[in-house]
Amino acid sequence: GHRARQVDLDLMHWADTILAMDASNLAAL
């Protein structure tokens, strides 16, 4: 049932914890 979505600041505000899968994702976040 998964459908991809792009991260945005609203989604980041929703989260208590944001887990990046790698260092480049971490830098982008």
PDB file of all heavy atoms in Angstrom:
ATOM      1  N   GLY A   1       0.793  -1.224   0.000  1.00  0.00           N
ATOM      2  CA  GLY A   1       0.000   0.000   0.000  1.00  0.00           C
ATOM      3  C   GLY A   1       0.828   1.279   0.000  1.00  0.00           C
ATOM      4  O   GLY A   1       0.278   2.380  -0.041  1.00  0.00           O
ATOM      5  N   HIS A   2       2.142   1.146   0.011  1.00  0.00           N
ATOM      6  CA  HIS A   2       3.004   2.323   0.096  1.00  0.00           C
ATOM      7  C   HIS A   2       2.978   3.149  -1.195  1.00  0.00           C
ATOM      8  O   HIS A   2       3.003   2.602  -2.293  1.00  0.00           O
ATOM      9  CB  HIS A   2       4.454   1.911   0.380  1.00  0.00           C
ATOM     10  CG  HIS A   2       5.395   3.067   0.332  1.00  0.00           C
ATOM     11  ND1 HIS A   2       5.465   4.002   1.335  1.00  0.00           N
ATOM     12  CD2 HIS A   2       6.268   3.460  -0.617  1.00  0.00           C
ATOM     13  CE1 HIS A   2       6.349   4.912   1.007  1.00  0.00           C
ATOM     14  NE2 HIS A   2       6.856   4.605  -0.175  1.00  0.00           N
ATOM     15  N   ARG A   3       2.961   4.476  -1.026  1.00  0.00           N
ATOM     16  CA  ARG A   3       3.135   5.418  -2.126  1.00  0.00           C
ATOM     17  C   ARG A   3       4.117   6.473  -1.655  1.00  0.00           C
ATOM     18  O   ARG A   3       3.967   7.045  -0.571  1.00  0.00           O
ATOM     19  CB  ARG A   3       1.810   6.078  -2.548  1.00  0.00           C
ATOM     20  CG  ARG A   3       0.800   5.112  -3.145  1.00  0.00           C
ATOM     21  CD  ARG A   3       1.318   4.477  -4.440  1.00  0.00           C
ATOM     22  NE  ARG A   3       0.432   3.466  -4.972  1.00  0.00           N
ATOM     23  CZ  ARG A   3       0.534   2.172  -4.766  1.00  0.00           C
ATOM     24  NH1 ARG A   3       1.470   1.679  -3.966  1.00  0.00           N
ATOM     25  NH2 ARG A   3      -0.294   1.314  -5.335  1.00  0.00           N
ATOM     26  N   ALA A   4       5.116   6.732  -2.467  1.00  0.00           N
ATOM     27  CA  ALA A   4       6.188   7.653  -2.109  1.00  0.00           C
ATOM     28  C   ALA A   4       5.682   9.084  -1.972  1.00  0.00           C
ATOM     29  O   ALA A   4       4.766   9.507  -2.683  1.00  0.00           O
ATOM     30  CB  ALA A   4       7.294   7.595  -3.160  1.00  0.00           C
ATOM     31  N   ARG A   5       6.310   9.789  -1.046  1.00  0.00           N
ATOM     32  CA  ARG A   5       6.033  11.217  -0.873  1.00  0.00           C
ATOM     33  C   ARG A   5       7.347  11.919  -0.565  1.00  0.00           C
ATOM     34  O   ARG A   5       8.304  11.305  -0.097  1.00  0.00           O
ATOM     35  CB  ARG A   5       5.006  11.441   0.227  1.00  0.00           C
ATOM     36  CG  ARG A   5       5.503  11.096   1.625  1.00  0.00           C
ATOM     37  CD  ARG A   5       4.467  11.223   2.692  1.00  0.00           C
ATOM     38  NE  ARG A   5       4.131  12.618   2.892  1.00  0.00           N
ATOM     39  CZ  ARG A   5       3.317  13.051   3.840  1.00  0.00           C
ATOM     40  NH1 ARG A   5       2.749  12.191   4.664  1.00  0.00           N
ATOM     41  NH2 ARG A   5       3.057  14.324   3.972  1.00  0.00           N
ATOM     42  N   GLN A   6       7.358  13.202  -0.798  1.00  0.00           N
ATOM     43  CA  GLN A   6       8.549  13.997  -0.526  1.00  0.00           C
ATOM     44  C   GLN A   6       8.443  14.613   0.863  1.00  0.00           C
ATOM     45  O   GLN A   6       7.363  15.055   1.278  1.00  0.00           O
ATOM     46  CB  GLN A   6       8.703  15.100  -1.570  1.00  0.00           C
ATOM     47  CG  GLN A   6       9.981  15.885  -1.405  1.00  0.00           C
ATOM     48  CD  GLN A   6      10.145  16.959  -2.474  1.00  0.00           C
ATOM     49  OE1 GLN A   6       9.207  17.323  -3.161  1.00  0.00           O
ATOM     50  NE2 GLN A   6      11.364  17.458  -2.599  1.00  0.00           N
ATOM     51  N   VAL A   7       9.556  14.656   1.559  1.00  0.00           N
ATOM     52  CA  VAL A   7       9.591  15.271   2.876  1.00  0.00           C
ATOM     53  C   VAL A   7       9.416  16.782   2.724  1.00  0.00           C
ATOM     54  O   VAL A   7       9.850  17.380   1.745  1.00  0.00           O
ATOM     55  CB  VAL A   7      10.904  14.930   3.622  1.00  0.00           C
ATOM     56  CG1 VAL A   7      12.118  15.578   2.990  1.00  0.00           C
ATOM     57  CG2 VAL A   7      10.803  15.254   5.095  1.00  0.00           C
ATOM     58  N   ASP A   8       8.751  17.367   3.691  1.00  0.00           N
ATOM     59  CA  ASP A   8       8.624  18.813   3.752  1.00  0.00           C
ATOM     60  C   ASP A   8       8.662  19.238   5.220  1.00  0.00           C
ATOM     61  O   ASP A   8       8.657  18.393   6.128  1.00  0.00           O
ATOM     62  CB  ASP A   8       7.363  19.317   3.041  1.00  0.00           C
ATOM     63  CG  ASP A   8       6.073  18.760   3.607  1.00  0.00           C
ATOM     64  OD1 ASP A   8       6.010  18.416   4.815  1.00  0.00           O
ATOM     65  OD2 ASP A   8       5.088  18.660   2.850  1.00  0.00           O
ATOM     66  N   LEU A   9       8.717  20.523   5.431  1.00  0.00           N
ATOM     67  CA  LEU A   9       8.850  21.014   6.799  1.00  0.00           C
ATOM     68  C   LEU A   9       7.630  20.685   7.659  1.00  0.00           C
ATOM     69  O   LEU A   9       7.769  20.394   8.853  1.00  0.00           O
ATOM     70  CB  LEU A   9       9.112  22.527   6.791  1.00  0.00           C
ATOM     71  CG  LEU A   9       9.674  23.126   8.073  1.00  0.00           C
ATOM     72  CD1 LEU A   9      10.908  22.387   8.568  1.00  0.00           C
ATOM     73  CD2 LEU A   9       9.989  24.598   7.869  1.00  0.00           C
ATOM     74  N   ASP A  10       6.440  20.660   7.072  1.00  0.00           N
ATOM     75  CA  ASP A  10       5.245  20.282   7.844  1.00  0.00           C
ATOM     76  C   ASP A  10       5.365  18.859   8.377  1.00  0.00           C
ATOM     77  O   ASP A  10       5.022  18.586   9.531  1.00  0.00           O
ATOM     78  CB  ASP A  10       3.981  20.409   6.994  1.00  0.00           C
ATOM     79  CG  ASP A  10       3.568  21.844   6.739  1.00  0.00           C
ATOM     80  OD1 ASP A  10       3.979  22.736   7.517  1.00  0.00           O
ATOM     81  OD2 ASP A  10       2.841  22.075   5.761  1.00  0.00           O
ATOM     82  N   LEU A  11       5.837  17.949   7.547  1.00  0.00           N
ATOM     83  CA  LEU A  11       6.019  16.558   7.966  1.00  0.00           C
ATOM     84  C   LEU A  11       7.092  16.468   9.048  1.00  0.00           C
ATOM     85  O   LEU A  11       6.957  15.712  10.014  1.00  0.00           O
ATOM     86  CB  LEU A  11       6.373  15.692   6.755  1.00  0.00           C
ATOM     87  CG  LEU A  11       6.337  14.193   6.915  1.00  0.00           C
ATOM     88  CD1 LEU A  11       5.011  13.708   7.474  1.00  0.00           C
ATOM     89  CD2 LEU A  11       6.619  13.532   5.572  1.00  0.00           C
ATOM     90  N   MET A  12       8.142  17.253   8.911  1.00  0.00           N
ATOM     91  CA  MET A  12       9.189  17.267   9.932  1.00  0.00           C
ATOM     92  C   MET A  12       8.652  17.822  11.255  1.00  0.00           C
ATOM     93  O   MET A  12       9.021  17.329  12.321  1.00  0.00           O
ATOM     94  CB  MET A  12      10.388  18.068   9.445  1.00  0.00           C
ATOM     95  CG  MET A  12      11.120  17.388   8.291  1.00  0.00           C
ATOM     96  SD  MET A  12      12.439  18.388   7.585  1.00  0.00           S
ATOM     97  CE  MET A  12      13.650  18.336   8.906  1.00  0.00           C
ATOM     98  N   HIS A  13       7.771  18.811  11.201  1.00  0.00           N
ATOM     99  CA  HIS A  13       7.162  19.347  12.423  1.00  0.00           C
ATOM    100  C   HIS A  13       6.263  18.308  13.086  1.00  0.00           C
ATOM    101  O   HIS A  13       6.155  18.279  14.315  1.00  0.00           O
ATOM    102  CB  HIS A  13       6.356  20.616  12.126  1.00  0.00           C
ATOM    103  CG  HIS A  13       7.196  21.835  12.053  1.00  0.00           C
ATOM    104  ND1 HIS A  13       7.414  22.660  13.123  1.00  0.00           N
ATOM    105  CD2 HIS A  13       7.894  22.364  11.025  1.00  0.00           C
ATOM    106  CE1 HIS A  13       8.207  23.652  12.762  1.00  0.00           C
ATOM    107  NE2 HIS A  13       8.519  23.493  11.488  1.00  0.00           N
ATOM    108  N   TRP A  14       5.630  17.447  12.296  1.00  0.00           N
ATOM    109  CA  TRP A  14       4.769  16.393  12.826  1.00  0.00           C
ATOM    110  C   TRP A  14       5.577  15.415  13.687  1.00  0.00           C
ATOM    111  O   TRP A  14       5.108  14.927  14.718  1.00  0.00           O
ATOM    112  CB  TRP A  14       4.090  15.662  11.665  1.00  0.00           C
ATOM    113  CG  TRP A  14       3.452  14.378  12.075  1.00  0.00           C
ATOM    114  CD1 TRP A  14       2.198  14.212  12.586  1.00  0.00           C
ATOM    115  CD2 TRP A  14       4.048  13.075  12.032  1.00  0.00           C
ATOM    116  NE1 TRP A  14       1.986  12.887  12.866  1.00  0.00           N
ATOM    117  CE2 TRP A  14       3.099  12.166  12.532  1.00  0.00           C
ATOM    118  CE3 TRP A  14       5.282  12.588  11.615  1.00  0.00           C
ATOM    119  CZ2 TRP A  14       3.356  10.805  12.624  1.00  0.00           C
ATOM    120  CZ3 TRP A  14       5.539  11.235  11.706  1.00  0.00           C
ATOM    121  CH2 TRP A  14       4.573  10.366  12.210  1.00  0.00           C
ATOM    122  N   ALA A  15       6.806  15.138  13.278  1.00  0.00           N
ATOM    123  CA  ALA A  15       7.604  14.069  13.883  1.00  0.00           C
ATOM    124  C   ALA A  15       8.300  14.493  15.171  1.00  0.00           C
ATOM    125  O   ALA A  15       8.792  15.616  15.289  1.00  0.00           O
ATOM    126  CB  ALA A  15       8.655  13.583  12.888  1.00  0.00           C
ATOM    127  N   ASP A  16       8.365  13.555  16.109  1.00  0.00           N
ATOM    128  CA  ASP A  16       9.187  13.726  17.305  1.00  0.00           C
ATOM    129  C   ASP A  16      10.638  13.358  17.001  1.00  0.00           C
ATOM    130  O   ASP A  16      11.561  13.911  17.578  1.00  0.00           O
ATOM    131  CB  ASP A  16       8.697  12.810  18.435  1.00  0.00           C
ATOM    132  CG  ASP A  16       7.275  13.106  18.854  1.00  0.00           C
ATOM    133  OD1 ASP A  16       6.929  14.301  19.006  1.00  0.00           O
ATOM    134  OD2 ASP A  16       6.497  12.146  19.005  1.00  0.00           O
ATOM    135  N   THR A  17      10.804  12.369  16.110  1.00  0.00           N
ATOM    136  CA  THR A  17      12.118  11.859  15.719  1.00  0.00           C
ATOM    137  C   THR A  17      12.131  11.720  14.207  1.00  0.00           C
ATOM    138  O   THR A  17      11.178  11.184  13.624  1.00  0.00           O
ATOM    139  CB  THR A  17      12.389  10.480  16.364  1.00  0.00           C
ATOM    140  OG1 THR A  17      12.280  10.604  17.785  1.00  0.00           O
ATOM    141  CG2 THR A  17      13.760   9.951  16.003  1.00  0.00           C
ATOM    142  N   ILE A  18      13.215  12.162  13.581  1.00  0.00           N
ATOM    143  CA  ILE A  18      13.375  12.079  12.130  1.00  0.00           C
ATOM    144  C   ILE A  18      14.630  11.268  11.871  1.00  0.00           C
ATOM    145  O   ILE A  18      15.734  11.673  12.265  1.00  0.00           O
ATOM    146  CB  ILE A  18      13.485  13.474  11.495  1.00  0.00           C
ATOM    147  CG1 ILE A  18      12.273  14.325  11.870  1.00  0.00           C
ATOM    148  CG2 ILE A  18      13.659  13.364   9.973  1.00  0.00           C
ATOM    149  CD1 ILE A  18      12.456  15.814  11.640  1.00  0.00           C
ATOM    150  N   LEU A  19      14.467  10.118  11.229  1.00  0.00           N
ATOM    151  CA  LEU A  19      15.574   9.187  11.032  1.00  0.00           C
ATOM    152  C   LEU A  19      15.980   9.128   9.564  1.00  0.00           C
ATOM    153  O   LEU A  19      15.218   8.660   8.715  1.00  0.00           O
ATOM    154  CB  LEU A  19      15.177   7.798  11.526  1.00  0.00           C
ATOM    155  CG  LEU A  19      14.791   7.724  12.997  1.00  0.00           C
ATOM    156  CD1 LEU A  19      14.236   6.352  13.335  1.00  0.00           C
ATOM    157  CD2 LEU A  19      16.000   8.064  13.868  1.00  0.00           C
ATOM    158  N   ALA A  20      17.189   9.586   9.285  1.00  0.00           N
ATOM    159  CA  ALA A  20      17.749   9.551   7.933  1.00  0.00           C
ATOM    160  C   ALA A  20      18.436   8.212   7.712  1.00  0.00           C
ATOM    161  O   ALA A  20      19.120   7.701   8.604  1.00  0.00           O
ATOM    162  CB  ALA A  20      18.753  10.686   7.757  1.00  0.00           C
ATOM    163  N   MET A  21      18.272   7.671   6.519  1.00  0.00           N
ATOM    164  CA  MET A  21      18.873   6.379   6.215  1.00  0.00           C
ATOM    165  C   MET A  21      20.370   6.468   5.921  1.00  0.00           C
ATOM    166  O   MET A  21      21.081   5.483   6.075  1.00  0.00           O
ATOM    167  CB  MET A  21      18.163   5.729   5.021  1.00  0.00           C
ATOM    168  CG  MET A  21      16.728   5.348   5.306  1.00  0.00           C
ATOM    169  SD  MET A  21      16.566   4.035   6.540  1.00  0.00           S
ATOM    170  CE  MET A  21      15.800   4.925   7.860  1.00  0.00           C
ATOM    171  N   ASP A  22      20.853   7.638   5.494  1.00  0.00           N
ATOM    172  CA  ASP A  22      22.295   7.787   5.260  1.00  0.00           C
ATOM    173  C   ASP A  22      22.726   9.236   5.462  1.00  0.00           C
ATOM    174  O   ASP A  22      21.893  10.128   5.672  1.00  0.00           O
ATOM    175  CB  ASP A  22      22.712   7.255   3.887  1.00  0.00           C
ATOM    176  CG  ASP A  22      22.110   8.000   2.713  1.00  0.00           C
ATOM    177  OD1 ASP A  22      21.995   9.244   2.774  1.00  0.00           O
ATOM    178  OD2 ASP A  22      21.771   7.349   1.708  1.00  0.00           O
ATOM    179  N   ALA A  23      24.035   9.453   5.409  1.00  0.00           N
ATOM    180  CA  ALA A  23      24.599  10.771   5.696  1.00  0.00           C
ATOM    181  C   ALA A  23      24.145  11.834   4.701  1.00  0.00           C
ATOM    182  O   ALA A  23      23.952  12.992   5.082  1.00  0.00           O
ATOM    183  CB  ALA A  23      26.127  10.692   5.732  1.00  0.00           C
ATOM    184  N   SER A  24      23.968  11.469   3.438  1.00  0.00           N
ATOM    185  CA  SER A  24      23.518  12.481   2.467  1.00  0.00           C
ATOM    186  C   SER A  24      22.072  12.893   2.757  1.00  0.00           C
ATOM    187  O   SER A  24      21.722  14.070   2.620  1.00  0.00           O
ATOM    188  CB  SER A  24      23.696  12.003   1.025  1.00  0.00           C
ATOM    189  OG  SER A  24      22.815  10.950   0.727  1.00  0.00           O
ATOM    190  N   ASN A  25      21.221  11.949   3.164  1.00  0.00           N
ATOM    191  CA  ASN A  25      19.856  12.289   3.575  1.00  0.00           C
ATOM    192  C   ASN A  25      19.883  13.154   4.830  1.00  0.00           C
ATOM    193  O   ASN A  25      19.101  14.100   4.949  1.00  0.00           O
ATOM    194  CB  ASN A  25      19.030  11.040   3.854  1.00  0.00           C
ATOM    195  CG  ASN A  25      18.946  10.065   2.701  1.00  0.00           C
ATOM    196  OD1 ASN A  25      18.918   8.870   2.921  1.00  0.00           O
ATOM    197  ND2 ASN A  25      18.914  10.554   1.467  1.00  0.00           N
ATOM    198  N   LEU A  26      20.768  12.836   5.743  1.00  0.00           N
ATOM    199  CA  LEU A  26      20.915  13.607   6.965  1.00  0.00           C
ATOM    200  C   LEU A  26      21.284  15.060   6.650  1.00  0.00           C
ATOM    201  O   LEU A  26      20.698  15.992   7.202  1.00  0.00           O
ATOM    202  CB  LEU A  26      21.973  12.961   7.864  1.00  0.00           C
ATOM    203  CG  LEU A  26      22.181  13.562   9.246  1.00  0.00           C
ATOM    204  CD1 LEU A  26      20.986  13.306  10.140  1.00  0.00           C
ATOM    205  CD2 LEU A  26      23.446  12.987   9.875  1.00  0.00           C
ATOM    206  N   ALA A  27      22.229  15.245   5.730  1.00  0.00           N
ATOM    207  CA  ALA A  27      22.647  16.592   5.343  1.00  0.00           C
ATOM    208  C   ALA A  27      21.497  17.356   4.685  1.00  0.00           C
ATOM    209  O   ALA A  27      21.266  18.534   4.973  1.00  0.00           O
ATOM    210  CB  ALA A  27      23.850  16.523   4.413  1.00  0.00           C
ATOM    211  N   ALA A  28      20.755  16.686   3.808  1.00  0.00           N
ATOM    212  CA  ALA A  28      19.623  17.334   3.139  1.00  0.00           C
ATOM    213  C   ALA A  28      18.539  17.724   4.141  1.00  0.00           C
ATOM    214  O   ALA A  28      17.950  18.810   4.035  1.00  0.00           O
ATOM    215  CB  ALA A  28      19.050  16.415   2.064  1.00  0.00           C
ATOM    216  N   LEU A  29      18.286  16.867   5.108  1.00  0.00           N
ATOM    217  CA  LEU A  29      17.313  17.189   6.153  1.00  0.00           C
ATOM    218  C   LEU A  29      17.784  18.381   6.986  1.00  0.00           C
ATOM    219  O   LEU A  29      16.986  19.231   7.374  1.00  0.00           O
ATOM    220  CB  LEU A  29      17.068  15.982   7.056  1.00  0.00           C
ATOM    221  CG  LEU A  29      16.228  14.869   6.449  1.00  0.00           C
ATOM    222  CD1 LEU A  29      16.328  13.598   7.298  1.00  0.00           C
ATOM    223  CD2 LEU A  29      14.782  15.306   6.273  1.00  0.00           C
TER     224      LEU A  29
END
